[in-house]
Amino acid sequence: MPIRPQPVTYTCPACGWSKTVAPRSDALMPGEFFSACPRCHHAPLDTKRASAAQATLGGLADALKRLW
């Protein structure tokens, strides 16, 4: 049975870029996992579990992006 991953916030220590990702399933799609910063290509990124508010906003932003 698939297990949905916990929401994660990625932060780049070099340029300050950050993104909260709330995957919809255990099959991660492009834009749901980052190993390097898309802005400055710094690796590795700092990762931490997203708070409930961050997870909600991240999921809402992804849903709005899919609509446009």
N, C-alpha and C. Protein backbone atom coordinates (compact mmCIF):
# COMPACT_ATOMS: atom_id res chain seq x y z
N MET A 1 0.85 -1.18 0.00
CA MET A 1 0.00 0.00 0.00
C MET A 1 0.89 1.24 0.00
N PRO A 2 0.61 2.24 -0.87
CA PRO A 2 1.41 3.45 -0.93
C PRO A 2 1.27 4.26 0.36
N ILE A 3 2.36 4.88 0.73
CA ILE A 3 2.37 5.74 1.91
C ILE A 3 2.74 7.14 1.47
N ARG A 4 1.87 8.09 1.75
CA ARG A 4 2.10 9.47 1.36
C ARG A 4 3.22 10.08 2.21
N PRO A 5 4.26 10.68 1.58
CA PRO A 5 5.34 11.30 2.34
C PRO A 5 4.86 12.54 3.10
N GLN A 6 5.55 12.85 4.16
CA GLN A 6 5.26 14.05 4.93
C GLN A 6 5.66 15.29 4.14
N PRO A 7 4.97 16.41 4.32
CA PRO A 7 5.38 17.65 3.66
C PRO A 7 6.77 18.08 4.13
N VAL A 8 7.55 18.61 3.20
CA VAL A 8 8.94 18.99 3.48
C VAL A 8 9.18 20.40 2.97
N THR A 9 9.98 21.17 3.73
CA THR A 9 10.42 22.48 3.28
C THR A 9 11.88 22.40 2.92
N TYR A 10 12.21 22.74 1.67
CA TYR A 10 13.59 22.78 1.19
C TYR A 10 14.07 24.22 1.26
N THR A 11 15.28 24.45 1.78
CA THR A 11 15.86 25.79 1.86
C THR A 11 17.30 25.74 1.39
N CYS A 12 17.68 26.70 0.55
CA CYS A 12 19.05 26.80 0.06
C CYS A 12 19.84 27.70 1.01
N PRO A 13 20.92 27.19 1.61
CA PRO A 13 21.71 28.02 2.52
C PRO A 13 22.52 29.08 1.78
N ALA A 14 22.72 28.94 0.49
CA ALA A 14 23.53 29.88 -0.27
C ALA A 14 22.74 31.12 -0.70
N CYS A 15 21.55 30.94 -1.28
CA CYS A 15 20.81 32.09 -1.82
C CYS A 15 19.51 32.38 -1.08
N GLY A 16 19.06 31.48 -0.20
CA GLY A 16 17.85 31.71 0.57
C GLY A 16 16.57 31.21 -0.07
N TRP A 17 16.66 30.59 -1.26
CA TRP A 17 15.48 30.04 -1.92
C TRP A 17 14.84 29.00 -1.01
N SER A 18 13.52 28.94 -0.99
CA SER A 18 12.85 27.90 -0.22
C SER A 18 11.54 27.52 -0.91
N LYS A 19 11.13 26.29 -0.68
CA LYS A 19 9.88 25.77 -1.24
C LYS A 19 9.36 24.69 -0.31
N THR A 20 8.07 24.74 -0.05
CA THR A 20 7.41 23.71 0.73
C THR A 20 6.67 22.81 -0.24
N VAL A 21 6.89 21.50 -0.10
CA VAL A 21 6.31 20.52 -0.99
C VAL A 21 5.45 19.56 -0.17
N ALA A 22 4.20 19.38 -0.63
CA ALA A 22 3.29 18.43 0.00
C ALA A 22 2.89 17.41 -1.05
N PRO A 23 3.68 16.34 -1.23
CA PRO A 23 3.38 15.35 -2.27
C PRO A 23 2.00 14.72 -2.10
N ARG A 24 1.35 14.43 -3.24
CA ARG A 24 0.02 13.81 -3.20
C ARG A 24 0.10 12.30 -3.09
N SER A 25 1.27 11.70 -3.46
CA SER A 25 1.43 10.26 -3.35
C SER A 25 2.90 9.94 -3.15
N ASP A 26 3.22 8.63 -3.04
CA ASP A 26 4.61 8.24 -2.83
C ASP A 26 5.40 8.24 -4.14
N ALA A 27 4.74 8.42 -5.27
CA ALA A 27 5.42 8.55 -6.56
C ALA A 27 5.71 10.03 -6.78
N LEU A 28 6.93 10.46 -6.46
CA LEU A 28 7.28 11.87 -6.53
C LEU A 28 7.44 12.32 -7.98
N MET A 29 6.81 13.42 -8.30
CA MET A 29 6.85 14.00 -9.63
C MET A 29 7.89 15.12 -9.66
N PRO A 30 8.27 15.59 -10.86
CA PRO A 30 9.19 16.73 -10.93
C PRO A 30 8.61 17.92 -10.18
N GLY A 31 9.44 18.57 -9.41
CA GLY A 31 8.99 19.70 -8.60
C GLY A 31 8.54 19.31 -7.21
N GLU A 32 8.56 18.01 -6.90
CA GLU A 32 8.20 17.55 -5.56
C GLU A 32 9.41 17.06 -4.77
N PHE A 33 10.58 17.04 -5.40
CA PHE A 33 11.80 16.63 -4.74
C PHE A 33 12.95 17.45 -5.32
N PHE A 34 13.80 17.97 -4.46
CA PHE A 34 14.94 18.78 -4.90
C PHE A 34 16.21 18.27 -4.25
N SER A 35 17.24 18.04 -5.05
CA SER A 35 18.55 17.65 -4.50
C SER A 35 19.53 18.82 -4.60
N ALA A 36 19.20 19.82 -5.42
CA ALA A 36 20.02 21.02 -5.56
C ALA A 36 19.09 22.21 -5.79
N CYS A 37 19.56 23.38 -5.49
CA CYS A 37 18.78 24.60 -5.63
C CYS A 37 18.53 24.90 -7.11
N PRO A 38 17.27 25.11 -7.51
CA PRO A 38 17.00 25.43 -8.91
C PRO A 38 17.46 26.83 -9.30
N ARG A 39 17.69 27.69 -8.32
CA ARG A 39 18.11 29.07 -8.59
C ARG A 39 19.62 29.18 -8.77
N CYS A 40 20.39 28.65 -7.79
CA CYS A 40 21.85 28.82 -7.83
C CYS A 40 22.60 27.50 -7.97
N HIS A 41 21.90 26.37 -7.99
CA HIS A 41 22.44 25.02 -8.15
C HIS A 41 23.32 24.58 -6.98
N HIS A 42 23.16 25.20 -5.83
CA HIS A 42 23.91 24.79 -4.63
C HIS A 42 23.34 23.46 -4.12
N ALA A 43 24.21 22.59 -3.68
CA ALA A 43 23.79 21.31 -3.09
C ALA A 43 24.67 21.04 -1.90
N PRO A 44 24.21 20.45 -0.88
CA PRO A 44 22.85 19.98 -0.60
C PRO A 44 21.99 21.10 -0.03
N LEU A 45 20.70 20.87 -0.07
CA LEU A 45 19.73 21.79 0.50
C LEU A 45 19.42 21.40 1.94
N ASP A 46 19.03 22.39 2.73
CA ASP A 46 18.55 22.09 4.08
C ASP A 46 17.10 21.63 3.95
N THR A 47 16.76 20.55 4.63
CA THR A 47 15.39 20.04 4.59
C THR A 47 14.86 19.90 6.01
N LYS A 48 13.57 20.18 6.16
CA LYS A 48 12.92 19.96 7.46
C LYS A 48 11.45 19.67 7.20
N ARG A 49 10.83 18.99 8.13
CA ARG A 49 9.39 18.73 8.02
C ARG A 49 8.65 20.05 8.07
N ALA A 50 7.67 20.19 7.21
CA ALA A 50 6.89 21.41 7.16
C ALA A 50 5.86 21.42 8.28
N SER A 51 5.57 22.62 8.78
CA SER A 51 4.52 22.75 9.78
C SER A 51 3.17 22.55 9.08
N ALA A 52 2.13 22.43 9.84
CA ALA A 52 0.80 22.22 9.26
C ALA A 52 0.41 23.40 8.37
N ALA A 53 0.72 24.62 8.80
CA ALA A 53 0.38 25.80 8.00
C ALA A 53 1.18 25.82 6.70
N GLN A 54 2.48 25.52 6.77
CA GLN A 54 3.32 25.49 5.58
C GLN A 54 2.84 24.42 4.61
N ALA A 55 2.48 23.26 5.13
CA ALA A 55 2.00 22.17 4.28
C ALA A 55 0.72 22.56 3.57
N THR A 56 -0.18 23.22 4.27
CA THR A 56 -1.44 23.66 3.66
C THR A 56 -1.18 24.68 2.57
N LEU A 57 -0.33 25.67 2.86
CA LEU A 57 -0.03 26.68 1.85
C LEU A 57 0.71 26.09 0.65
N GLY A 58 1.63 25.16 0.90
CA GLY A 58 2.35 24.51 -0.19
C GLY A 58 1.42 23.70 -1.07
N GLY A 59 0.51 22.97 -0.47
CA GLY A 59 -0.46 22.19 -1.23
C GLY A 59 -1.42 23.08 -2.01
N LEU A 60 -1.82 24.20 -1.42
CA LEU A 60 -2.71 25.14 -2.10
C LEU A 60 -2.00 25.78 -3.29
N ALA A 61 -0.74 26.15 -3.11
CA ALA A 61 0.02 26.76 -4.20
C ALA A 61 0.18 25.77 -5.35
N ASP A 62 0.45 24.51 -5.05
CA ASP A 62 0.58 23.50 -6.10
C ASP A 62 -0.74 23.28 -6.84
N ALA A 63 -1.85 23.30 -6.09
CA ALA A 63 -3.16 23.12 -6.72
C ALA A 63 -3.49 24.29 -7.65
N LEU A 64 -3.18 25.50 -7.22
CA LEU A 64 -3.43 26.67 -8.05
C LEU A 64 -2.54 26.65 -9.30
N LYS A 65 -1.30 26.18 -9.15
CA LYS A 65 -0.39 26.09 -10.30
C LYS A 65 -0.93 25.13 -11.34
N ARG A 66 -1.52 24.02 -10.88
CA ARG A 66 -2.08 23.03 -11.82
C ARG A 66 -3.28 23.59 -12.58
N LEU A 67 -4.05 24.50 -11.94
CA LEU A 67 -5.21 25.08 -12.58
C LEU A 67 -4.83 26.09 -13.67
N TRP A 68 -3.73 26.79 -13.50
CA TRP A 68 -3.33 27.81 -14.48
C TRP A 68 -2.46 27.16 -15.46
